[in-house]
Amino acid sequence: MNAKAPEPSDDDISASEEWLYEVRKKIYSRSVTGWFNNWRVFMVVFTQALFYGLPWLQWDGRQAVLLDLSTRKFYFFGMILWPQDVIFLALLLIISAYGLFLFTAIAGRLFCGYACPQTVYTEIFMWIERKVEGDRLARIRLDGSDWNARKISKKTLKHGLWIAVALWTGFTFVGYFTPILTLAGQVISASLGPWQTFWILFYGFATYGNAGFMREQVCKYMCPYARFQSVMIDKDTLIVTYDTERGEPRGKRGKHVDPRAQGKGDCVDCSICVQVCPTGIDIRDGLQYMCIGCGACVDACDQVMDKVGYPRGLIRYSSENAMKNKWSKRQQWAHLLRPRILIYSALLLIMVGLFVGGLATRDPLKMNVMRDRGVLSREIPGGLVENVYQIQLMNTTEKARKIRVEVKGLEGVAVHDRNAYELPASTNILEPLEVTIPVDNAKKGVYKIEIIATSEGEKPISASSKTTFIVP
C-alpha cells in the first residue's frame, strides 16, 4: 500500500510562492541633481503644461482642442476632422511608431525615461512625497516609526495632495471630450452627468494608484515596451552603461589614494546609483529590461566622481561597441548614423510629409452622391427624363456657405427644381437631387455624368463626384 503524501506546511507554501514571484520591496528613491535630471524636470513641466493647459485655450469662440464624440467632430484650433478623415489618425499612429523606433534605436528608452505618462506622474508624486516627508532617509525613518500625530499628519497631507492632483488630472482628461468650461460649471454646481463622473474618478484613481503606489511595478510587469525593447536596439545604440573595466574591482578606499595602488577600480561602492534609481535596479549588473534610461544614476555617479577626484563617466550613455573598442565620443557619435537610423529617419520624414501635406491640401468642401434606389429613372411631365440622387454635402470649415450644384457630361442635362443649398458651418446635410434631360435628347442607355458643387463668395471652393444617368 502506498503511503499518503504529507500535507504541505504553511512554510512550504510561502516558500513556493516566494519562488514563483518576487515580493515587492518598497523603493525609497533618493533625490538627485544634474544634467539628466534637469531634462526630466523640463519634460515634466513641458508635457503637463500642454496637457493641463490646452483644454482651456479658446479659438473662435470655442475650445481650441476638443474631441467631441457626440457629434463625431474633432476640433484642433482652426481645423475640424470628421470620421472620413480617419486616414490622418492612421498616419499619426504610424508617425508615432516610427518615432519610437528611431529614438529607441538611437538612445534606448528615451520615451520611458522622459515623456512616458507613468514616468511623468511618478516624478510629480515623488516630488510631493519628498516635499512633505523629506528625502530618502527621512522617509525610511518615518515609515519605520510608530503611528503618532506627526506621522498621521504627514501621511494625510501627502495623500490629500496626491488625490487632488489625480482628480485634477481626471477632470482635465474629460475636458478634452466635454467642453471644459461647461464641465467646470457642472462640477461647481454638482450637476455632473454619470459618464463624466465615472471617467473623472476612474482616470483619477488610475493616476493615484499607478503613480502613488505601483510606480516601478508598471514599468517592470505591465508595460509591453519593456519586453520588446531588446529587439529595437543594437550594439551601436546609446544606453545607460556602467564601465566595468574602469570600475572593477569596486570597494571602499581612503581619500586621495590611487585606487590602482590598492588593486581597485574607480567604483567606490557607495550604492548611490541604486538609491536614486526609480526602478531600484543596480546598473552595475549590466543592462536590464527594468532600466527606463532616465539617467539618474549617471548624474549621481558623476557627483560622486567629482567628490573623490576621479574623471566623470564611470556610468554614462554609451554603446556596447564603444565600450568594447574604447571609442572616443566623436567615434561613438559617428557610428550613430548607421543604415537602420537612416531608414527610420527617411520613413519618418515621408510619413510626416504625407500627414502635413494631406492636412494642407484637405478639401474644405466634400460631396458624396448616392443614387436613390427607390427611383432609378422615370419620365415626368414637361417632356423630361429624371434620375433622383441623394447628395451629401459636408462643410469642414467654420464659415457658413451657400452651395450651387450643376451637372455636366450629357447634352441637355440639368438640375431640376432645386440647385442651391445653405450649408451651415462645420456641418453636413443630406438632400435629394433631381437631374433631368429632355426626352428628345434621351436615347436608351447608361451615361456618365459629373455633379459639381461650388460655393459662392470671394474665394469659391468646389467638389465633384462622378455617377451615371439612366435612360429607360
Protein backbone atom coordinates (compact mmCIF):
# COMPACT_ATOMS: atom_id res chain seq x y z
CA MET A 1 0.00 0.00 0.00
CA ASN A 2 1.30 3.43 -0.95
CA ALA A 3 1.83 5.81 1.94
CA LYS A 4 -0.20 9.00 1.85
CA ALA A 5 1.87 12.04 0.90
CA PRO A 6 2.21 14.52 3.78
CA GLU A 7 0.24 17.75 3.55
CA PRO A 8 2.45 20.77 2.71
CA SER A 9 3.01 23.10 5.62
CA ASP A 10 2.35 26.86 5.57
CA ASP A 11 6.11 27.46 5.44
CA ASP A 12 6.40 25.25 2.36
CA ILE A 13 3.56 27.13 0.64
CA SER A 14 5.08 30.52 1.47
CA ALA A 15 8.46 29.37 0.16
CA SER A 16 6.86 28.16 -3.07
CA GLU A 17 5.02 31.44 -3.55
CA GLU A 18 8.20 33.41 -2.92
CA TRP A 19 9.96 31.26 -5.50
CA LEU A 20 7.22 31.87 -8.08
CA TYR A 21 7.34 35.66 -7.84
CA GLU A 22 9.40 38.28 -6.10
CA VAL A 23 7.73 40.03 -3.20
CA ARG A 24 7.78 43.77 -3.79
CA LYS A 25 10.08 45.84 -1.64
CA LYS A 26 9.20 49.50 -1.40
CA ILE A 27 11.71 51.71 -3.18
CA TYR A 28 12.81 54.88 -1.44
CA SER A 29 14.50 56.74 -4.26
CA ARG A 30 16.97 59.46 -3.40
CA SER A 31 16.77 62.93 -4.94
CA VAL A 32 19.49 63.82 -7.41
CA THR A 33 20.57 66.87 -9.39
CA GLY A 34 22.41 67.07 -12.66
CA TRP A 35 22.14 67.44 -16.41
CA PHE A 36 19.79 64.50 -16.99
CA ASN A 37 17.63 65.44 -14.01
CA ASN A 38 17.23 68.94 -15.46
CA TRP A 39 15.95 67.40 -18.68
CA ARG A 40 13.47 65.24 -16.76
CA VAL A 41 12.19 68.30 -14.90
CA PHE A 42 11.86 70.20 -18.17
CA MET A 43 9.91 67.35 -19.80
CA VAL A 44 7.58 67.09 -16.80
CA VAL A 45 6.84 70.82 -16.92
CA PHE A 46 6.53 70.87 -20.73
CA THR A 47 4.24 67.85 -21.10
CA GLN A 48 1.99 68.83 -18.21
CA ALA A 49 1.75 72.45 -19.35
CA LEU A 50 0.44 71.08 -22.65
CA PHE A 51 -1.89 68.53 -21.06
CA TYR A 52 -3.40 70.80 -18.41
CA GLY A 53 -3.33 73.98 -20.49
CA LEU A 54 -4.65 73.00 -23.94
CA PRO A 55 -8.29 72.43 -22.94
CA TRP A 56 -8.54 75.98 -21.60
CA LEU A 57 -7.42 77.64 -24.83
CA GLN A 58 -10.22 79.20 -26.86
CA TRP A 59 -10.39 79.53 -30.66
CA ASP A 60 -13.12 81.49 -32.49
CA GLY A 61 -15.49 81.21 -29.55
CA ARG A 62 -14.98 77.52 -28.86
CA GLN A 63 -12.46 75.22 -27.21
CA ALA A 64 -9.29 75.04 -29.31
CA VAL A 65 -8.76 71.29 -28.81
CA LEU A 66 -11.96 69.30 -28.38
CA LEU A 67 -12.71 65.67 -29.25
CA ASP A 68 -16.48 65.88 -29.49
CA LEU A 69 -17.57 62.24 -29.70
CA SER A 70 -21.28 63.07 -29.54
CA THR A 71 -21.15 64.97 -32.85
CA ARG A 72 -18.20 62.93 -34.21
CA LYS A 73 -16.09 66.04 -34.75
CA PHE A 74 -12.51 66.62 -33.59
CA TYR A 75 -11.54 70.28 -33.28
CA PHE A 76 -7.86 71.25 -33.47
CA PHE A 77 -7.58 75.04 -33.42
CA GLY A 78 -8.82 76.14 -36.87
CA MET A 79 -9.26 72.63 -38.24
CA ILE A 80 -12.13 70.17 -37.90
CA LEU A 81 -11.65 66.46 -38.50
CA TRP A 82 -14.55 64.16 -39.33
CA PRO A 83 -14.89 60.36 -39.31
CA GLN A 84 -14.00 60.47 -43.03
CA ASP A 85 -10.58 61.83 -42.01
CA VAL A 86 -9.59 58.66 -40.17
CA ILE A 87 -6.62 58.36 -42.56
CA PHE A 88 -4.95 61.17 -40.63
CA LEU A 89 -5.31 59.22 -37.40
CA ALA A 90 -3.71 56.21 -39.08
CA LEU A 91 -0.82 58.38 -40.31
CA LEU A 92 -0.40 59.90 -36.85
CA LEU A 93 -0.15 56.43 -35.29
CA ILE A 94 2.40 55.36 -37.91
CA ILE A 95 4.44 58.53 -37.26
CA SER A 96 4.37 57.81 -33.52
CA ALA A 97 5.52 54.23 -34.11
CA TYR A 98 8.40 55.21 -36.39
CA GLY A 99 9.37 57.99 -33.98
CA LEU A 100 9.52 55.41 -31.18
CA PHE A 101 11.61 53.06 -33.35
CA LEU A 102 14.01 55.86 -34.26
CA PHE A 103 14.55 57.22 -30.75
CA THR A 104 14.94 53.70 -29.32
CA ALA A 105 17.50 52.76 -31.96
CA ILE A 106 19.45 55.95 -31.19
CA ALA A 107 19.38 56.02 -27.38
CA GLY A 108 17.22 53.26 -25.92
CA ARG A 109 14.19 54.04 -23.77
CA LEU A 110 14.20 57.82 -24.12
CA PHE A 111 10.40 57.93 -24.17
CA CYS A 112 10.18 55.85 -20.98
CA GLY A 113 12.72 57.94 -19.11
CA TYR A 114 11.47 61.41 -20.03
CA ALA A 115 7.98 61.56 -21.58
CA CYS A 116 6.01 58.43 -20.62
CA PRO A 117 2.92 59.40 -18.57
CA GLN A 118 3.81 56.79 -15.97
CA THR A 119 7.27 58.32 -15.53
CA VAL A 120 5.96 61.89 -15.56
CA TYR A 121 3.25 61.36 -12.95
CA THR A 122 5.53 59.22 -10.79
CA GLU A 123 8.01 62.14 -10.79
CA ILE A 124 5.23 64.54 -9.77
CA PHE A 125 4.03 62.27 -6.95
CA MET A 126 7.60 61.61 -5.76
CA TRP A 127 8.27 65.38 -5.71
CA ILE A 128 5.19 65.86 -3.48
CA GLU A 129 6.35 62.97 -1.29
CA ARG A 130 9.81 64.49 -0.82
CA LYS A 131 8.40 67.93 -0.01
CA VAL A 132 6.05 66.51 2.64
CA GLU A 133 8.02 63.62 4.14
CA GLY A 134 11.61 64.51 3.29
CA ASP A 135 14.30 62.76 1.26
CA ARG A 136 15.16 59.07 1.27
CA LEU A 137 16.43 58.59 4.84
CA ALA A 138 13.68 60.76 6.32
CA ARG A 139 11.01 58.70 4.54
CA ILE A 140 12.55 55.41 5.67
CA ARG A 141 12.60 56.62 9.29
CA LEU A 142 9.02 57.94 9.03
CA ASP A 143 7.68 54.62 7.67
CA GLY A 144 9.58 52.70 10.36
CA SER A 145 8.30 54.83 13.21
CA ASP A 146 5.18 54.25 15.31
CA TRP A 147 1.95 55.93 14.31
CA ASN A 148 1.68 59.29 16.02
CA ALA A 149 0.24 62.73 15.29
CA ARG A 150 3.28 63.77 13.23
CA LYS A 151 3.21 60.66 11.04
CA ILE A 152 -0.57 60.78 10.57
CA SER A 153 -0.50 64.48 9.59
CA LYS A 154 2.30 63.96 7.07
CA LYS A 155 0.65 60.90 5.50
CA THR A 156 -2.71 62.66 5.38
CA LEU A 157 -1.24 65.74 3.72
CA LYS A 158 0.69 63.66 1.18
CA HIS A 159 -2.29 61.55 0.16
CA GLY A 160 -4.53 64.60 0.11
CA LEU A 161 -2.20 66.31 -2.36
CA TRP A 162 -1.94 63.10 -4.41
CA ILE A 163 -5.72 62.79 -4.60
CA ALA A 164 -6.05 66.47 -5.59
CA VAL A 165 -3.54 66.05 -8.44
CA ALA A 166 -5.20 62.79 -9.53
CA LEU A 167 -8.70 64.30 -9.60
CA TRP A 168 -7.47 67.38 -11.45
CA THR A 169 -5.83 65.05 -13.98
CA GLY A 170 -9.09 63.12 -14.41
CA PHE A 171 -11.04 66.37 -14.77
CA THR A 172 -8.59 67.62 -17.43
CA PHE A 173 -8.78 64.31 -19.31
CA VAL A 174 -12.58 64.51 -19.52
CA GLY A 175 -12.21 68.18 -20.52
CA TYR A 176 -10.80 67.04 -23.87
CA PHE A 177 -14.11 65.31 -24.66
CA THR A 178 -16.58 67.68 -22.97
CA PRO A 179 -16.10 71.47 -23.23
CA ILE A 180 -14.05 72.15 -20.12
CA LEU A 181 -15.81 75.42 -19.23
CA THR A 182 -19.13 73.58 -19.27
CA LEU A 183 -17.57 70.74 -17.30
CA ALA A 184 -16.19 73.14 -14.69
CA GLY A 185 -19.64 74.69 -14.27
CA GLN A 186 -21.16 71.24 -13.79
CA VAL A 187 -18.56 70.38 -11.15
CA ILE A 188 -19.21 73.62 -9.25
CA SER A 189 -22.99 73.15 -9.39
CA ALA A 190 -22.71 69.40 -8.61
CA SER A 191 -24.63 68.55 -11.79
CA LEU A 192 -22.13 66.23 -13.49
CA GLY A 193 -23.56 63.51 -15.68
CA PRO A 194 -22.92 59.83 -14.81
CA TRP A 195 -20.35 59.29 -17.56
CA GLN A 196 -18.35 62.42 -16.77
CA THR A 197 -18.33 61.44 -13.10
CA PHE A 198 -17.23 57.90 -13.90
CA TRP A 199 -14.34 58.90 -16.15
CA ILE A 200 -13.06 61.65 -13.83
CA LEU A 201 -13.00 59.22 -10.91
CA PHE A 202 -11.67 56.31 -12.99
CA TYR A 203 -8.82 58.28 -14.58
CA GLY A 204 -8.06 59.94 -11.25
CA PHE A 205 -7.99 56.58 -9.48
CA ALA A 206 -5.68 55.13 -12.15
CA THR A 207 -3.32 58.10 -11.77
CA TYR A 208 -3.39 57.85 -7.97
CA GLY A 209 -2.76 54.10 -7.98
CA ASN A 210 -0.13 53.94 -10.73
CA ALA A 211 1.93 56.97 -9.72
CA GLY A 212 1.44 56.73 -5.97
CA PHE A 213 1.71 53.00 -5.29
CA MET A 214 2.51 50.79 -8.29
CA ARG A 215 5.22 53.03 -9.78
CA GLU A 216 8.08 50.76 -10.93
CA GLN A 217 5.72 47.75 -10.97
CA VAL A 218 4.03 49.22 -14.04
CA CYS A 219 7.40 49.55 -15.82
CA LYS A 220 8.56 46.09 -14.76
CA TYR A 221 5.47 43.94 -15.25
CA MET A 222 2.71 45.82 -17.07
CA CYS A 223 4.46 47.79 -19.81
CA PRO A 224 4.94 45.73 -23.01
CA TYR A 225 7.64 48.12 -24.25
CA ALA A 226 9.99 46.82 -21.55
CA ARG A 227 9.73 43.36 -23.06
CA PHE A 228 10.41 44.08 -26.72
CA GLN A 229 12.90 46.94 -26.38
CA SER A 230 15.78 44.46 -26.72
CA VAL A 231 14.88 43.76 -30.35
CA MET A 232 14.87 47.50 -31.14
CA ILE A 233 18.42 48.24 -30.01
CA ASP A 234 21.78 47.05 -31.33
CA LYS A 235 25.43 47.27 -30.37
CA ASP A 236 25.65 50.89 -31.50
CA THR A 237 22.62 52.11 -29.53
CA LEU A 238 23.40 54.56 -26.74
CA ILE A 239 22.26 53.12 -23.41
CA VAL A 240 23.00 53.82 -19.75
CA THR A 241 26.13 51.74 -19.18
CA TYR A 242 28.50 51.01 -16.31
CA ASP A 243 32.18 50.91 -17.34
CA THR A 244 33.08 47.57 -15.81
CA GLU A 245 36.73 47.65 -16.90
CA ARG A 246 37.27 51.01 -15.25
CA GLY A 247 35.14 50.48 -12.16
CA GLU A 248 36.02 46.94 -11.07
CA PRO A 249 37.00 45.68 -8.63
CA ARG A 250 34.87 48.06 -6.63
CA GLY A 251 35.38 48.84 -2.97
CA LYS A 252 35.93 51.46 -0.28
CA ARG A 253 39.16 53.42 -0.16
CA GLY A 254 40.66 56.45 1.53
CA LYS A 255 40.58 59.93 0.05
CA HIS A 256 43.37 61.00 -2.28
CA VAL A 257 44.55 57.39 -2.65
CA ASP A 258 45.32 55.93 -6.04
CA PRO A 259 42.82 53.05 -6.38
CA ARG A 260 45.13 51.16 -8.74
CA ALA A 261 47.77 51.01 -5.99
CA GLN A 262 45.21 49.16 -3.86
CA GLY A 263 44.16 46.93 -6.73
CA LYS A 264 40.75 48.57 -7.02
CA GLY A 265 38.78 50.30 -9.76
CA ASP A 266 37.15 53.71 -9.68
CA CYS A 267 33.81 52.49 -8.22
CA VAL A 268 33.78 53.31 -4.50
CA ASP A 269 30.76 51.01 -3.98
CA CYS A 270 28.68 53.79 -2.45
CA SER A 271 25.44 52.32 -3.93
CA ILE A 272 24.09 55.83 -4.59
CA CYS A 273 23.40 54.80 -8.20
CA VAL A 274 20.99 52.20 -6.80
CA GLN A 275 19.44 54.62 -4.31
CA VAL A 276 18.47 57.16 -7.00
CA CYS A 277 17.09 54.57 -9.46
CA PRO A 278 13.28 54.84 -9.70
CA THR A 279 13.00 51.11 -10.51
CA GLY A 280 15.51 50.03 -7.86
CA ILE A 281 17.98 48.21 -10.11
CA ASP A 282 21.77 48.14 -9.94
CA ILE A 283 23.10 49.34 -13.30
CA ARG A 284 26.46 47.78 -12.41
CA ASP A 285 24.89 44.37 -13.04
CA GLY A 286 24.53 45.26 -16.73
CA LEU A 287 21.64 46.35 -18.93
CA GLN A 288 18.28 45.13 -17.60
CA TYR A 289 14.84 45.40 -19.10
CA MET A 290 13.68 47.28 -15.96
CA CYS A 291 16.02 50.19 -16.76
CA ILE A 292 13.97 53.09 -18.15
CA GLY A 293 17.03 55.07 -19.28
CA CYS A 294 16.29 58.12 -17.13
CA GLY A 295 19.99 58.83 -16.45
CA ALA A 296 19.51 59.41 -12.69
CA CYS A 297 22.38 57.03 -11.94
CA VAL A 298 24.61 58.97 -14.38
CA ASP A 299 24.01 62.24 -12.50
CA ALA A 300 24.54 60.55 -9.13
CA CYS A 301 27.77 58.80 -10.15
CA ASP A 302 29.20 61.96 -11.72
CA GLN A 303 28.67 63.80 -8.42
CA VAL A 304 30.49 61.04 -6.52
CA MET A 305 33.35 61.07 -9.02
CA ASP A 306 33.66 64.84 -8.55
CA LYS A 307 33.88 64.41 -4.78
CA VAL A 308 36.62 61.74 -4.87
CA GLY A 309 38.51 63.48 -7.66
CA TYR A 310 38.06 60.85 -10.39
CA PRO A 311 37.01 61.55 -14.02
CA ARG A 312 33.31 61.59 -14.76
CA GLY A 313 31.69 58.93 -16.94
CA LEU A 314 32.00 55.75 -14.87
CA ILE A 315 28.29 55.41 -15.60
CA ARG A 316 27.36 57.11 -18.85
CA TYR A 317 25.36 56.90 -22.04
CA SER A 318 27.44 54.71 -24.33
CA SER A 319 27.09 51.81 -26.75
CA GLU A 320 28.32 48.25 -26.47
CA ASN A 321 30.73 48.71 -29.36
CA ALA A 322 32.03 52.00 -27.93
CA MET A 323 32.79 50.36 -24.58
CA LYS A 324 34.38 47.31 -26.18
CA ASN A 325 36.53 49.21 -28.69
CA LYS A 326 37.21 52.20 -26.40
CA TRP A 327 35.88 54.70 -28.92
CA SER A 328 36.07 58.40 -28.31
CA LYS A 329 32.83 60.40 -28.17
CA ARG A 330 33.42 61.54 -31.72
CA GLN A 331 33.77 57.95 -32.97
CA GLN A 332 30.74 56.92 -30.93
CA TRP A 333 28.54 59.65 -32.43
CA ALA A 334 29.84 58.85 -35.92
CA HIS A 335 28.52 55.29 -35.61
CA LEU A 336 25.03 56.52 -34.79
CA LEU A 337 24.34 57.26 -38.46
CA ARG A 338 24.03 53.61 -39.40
CA PRO A 339 21.64 52.16 -42.03
CA ARG A 340 18.70 51.47 -39.72
CA ILE A 341 18.80 55.04 -38.37
CA LEU A 342 18.82 56.46 -41.89
CA ILE A 343 15.95 54.18 -42.95
CA TYR A 344 13.84 55.06 -39.90
CA SER A 345 14.56 58.76 -40.43
CA ALA A 346 13.63 58.62 -44.12
CA LEU A 347 10.38 56.77 -43.42
CA LEU A 348 9.53 59.17 -40.61
CA LEU A 349 10.11 62.20 -42.85
CA ILE A 350 7.96 60.66 -45.58
CA MET A 351 5.10 59.99 -43.15
CA VAL A 352 5.33 63.48 -41.65
CA GLY A 353 5.33 64.95 -45.17
CA LEU A 354 2.23 62.96 -46.12
CA PHE A 355 0.49 63.99 -42.91
CA VAL A 356 1.27 67.70 -43.22
CA GLY A 357 0.65 67.73 -46.97
CA GLY A 358 -2.66 65.93 -46.57
CA LEU A 359 -3.86 68.41 -43.96
CA ALA A 360 -2.69 71.38 -46.04
CA THR A 361 -4.47 70.20 -49.20
CA ARG A 362 -7.54 68.85 -47.44
CA ASP A 363 -10.75 69.84 -49.23
CA PRO A 364 -12.88 72.21 -47.13
CA LEU A 365 -15.95 71.10 -49.10
CA LYS A 366 -16.76 67.43 -49.52
CA MET A 367 -19.52 65.83 -51.52
CA ASN A 368 -20.86 62.32 -51.85
CA VAL A 369 -23.55 61.36 -54.39
CA MET A 370 -25.67 58.22 -53.98
CA ARG A 371 -28.35 57.05 -56.36
CA ASP A 372 -31.85 56.88 -54.92
CA ARG A 373 -32.63 53.19 -55.40
CA GLY A 374 -36.34 53.80 -54.93
CA VAL A 375 -36.49 55.93 -58.10
CA LEU A 376 -33.80 54.89 -60.61
CA SER A 377 -35.27 56.61 -63.66
CA ARG A 378 -38.65 57.91 -64.70
CA GLU A 379 -40.40 60.17 -67.17
CA ILE A 380 -42.02 63.25 -65.65
CA PRO A 381 -44.36 65.94 -67.00
CA GLY A 382 -42.72 68.53 -69.22
CA GLY A 383 -41.10 66.02 -71.56
CA LEU A 384 -38.25 65.18 -69.20
CA VAL A 385 -36.46 62.01 -68.08
CA GLU A 386 -35.50 62.23 -64.40
CA ASN A 387 -32.97 60.42 -62.18
CA VAL A 388 -33.05 61.02 -58.42
CA TYR A 389 -29.94 61.03 -56.21
CA GLN A 390 -29.13 61.69 -52.60
CA ILE A 391 -26.39 64.32 -52.32
CA GLN A 392 -24.37 64.67 -49.11
CA LEU A 393 -22.54 67.97 -48.68
CA MET A 394 -20.01 68.49 -45.90
CA ASN A 395 -18.62 71.86 -44.85
CA THR A 396 -15.38 71.21 -42.91
CA THR A 397 -14.79 74.90 -42.15
CA GLU A 398 -16.33 77.15 -39.51
CA LYS A 399 -17.85 79.50 -42.07
CA ALA A 400 -21.39 79.10 -43.43
CA ARG A 401 -21.53 78.66 -47.22
CA LYS A 402 -24.11 78.76 -49.97
CA ILE A 403 -23.59 75.90 -52.42
CA ARG A 404 -24.73 75.73 -56.06
CA VAL A 405 -24.89 72.40 -57.87
CA GLU A 406 -24.55 71.83 -61.62
CA VAL A 407 -24.31 68.77 -63.83
CA LYS A 408 -22.08 68.11 -66.86
CA GLY A 409 -21.34 65.27 -69.22
CA LEU A 410 -24.57 64.85 -71.20
CA GLU A 411 -26.29 67.13 -73.68
CA GLY A 412 -29.26 68.90 -72.13
CA VAL A 413 -28.64 67.53 -68.63
CA ALA A 414 -29.57 69.90 -65.80
CA VAL A 415 -30.51 70.05 -62.15
CA HIS A 416 -34.29 70.09 -61.84
CA ASP A 417 -36.12 72.30 -59.36
CA ARG A 418 -33.52 72.97 -56.64
CA ASN A 419 -29.84 73.62 -57.29
CA ALA A 420 -28.77 75.74 -54.27
CA TYR A 421 -28.23 74.67 -50.67
CA GLU A 422 -27.45 76.56 -47.46
CA LEU A 423 -24.60 74.77 -45.71
CA PRO A 424 -24.01 75.91 -42.10
CA ALA A 425 -20.53 75.99 -40.58
CA SER A 426 -18.91 72.67 -39.69
CA THR A 427 -21.89 70.54 -40.61
CA ASN A 428 -23.17 68.22 -43.30
CA ILE A 429 -26.55 67.80 -44.96
CA LEU A 430 -28.20 65.04 -46.96
CA GLU A 431 -30.68 66.28 -49.57
CA PRO A 432 -32.42 64.85 -52.65
CA LEU A 433 -31.09 65.95 -56.05
CA GLU A 434 -33.20 65.62 -59.19
CA VAL A 435 -31.35 65.54 -62.53
CA THR A 436 -33.21 65.67 -65.86
CA ILE A 437 -32.71 65.69 -69.62
CA PRO A 438 -35.26 66.39 -72.36
CA VAL A 439 -36.98 63.30 -73.75
CA ASP A 440 -35.91 64.36 -77.26
CA ASN A 441 -32.23 64.02 -76.22
CA ALA A 442 -32.77 60.75 -74.40
CA LYS A 443 -31.61 57.56 -76.00
CA LYS A 444 -31.84 54.33 -74.10
CA GLY A 445 -28.67 53.58 -72.17
CA VAL A 446 -26.43 54.40 -69.19
CA TYR A 447 -24.41 57.62 -69.42
CA LYS A 448 -21.61 59.01 -67.29
CA ILE A 449 -22.20 62.44 -65.75
CA GLU A 450 -20.36 64.66 -63.30
CA ILE A 451 -22.06 66.56 -60.49
CA ILE A 452 -20.19 69.67 -59.35
CA ALA A 453 -20.84 71.64 -56.15
CA THR A 454 -19.38 75.17 -55.91
CA SER A 455 -19.54 77.64 -53.05
CA GLU A 456 -20.43 81.27 -53.65
CA GLY A 457 -18.21 84.08 -52.35
CA GLU A 458 -14.85 85.75 -52.84
CA LYS A 459 -12.89 82.51 -52.60
CA PRO A 460 -15.09 79.82 -54.13
CA ILE A 461 -14.35 76.19 -53.42
CA SER A 462 -15.72 73.21 -55.27
CA ALA A 463 -16.11 69.45 -55.10
CA SER A 464 -17.22 66.98 -57.74
CA SER A 465 -18.45 63.42 -57.97
CA LYS A 466 -18.97 61.14 -60.97
CA THR A 467 -22.04 58.98 -61.35
CA THR A 468 -24.35 57.59 -64.03
CA PHE A 469 -27.60 58.73 -65.64
CA ILE A 470 -30.02 56.01 -66.76
CA VAL A 471 -32.41 56.44 -69.69
CA PRO A 472 -35.01 53.62 -69.66
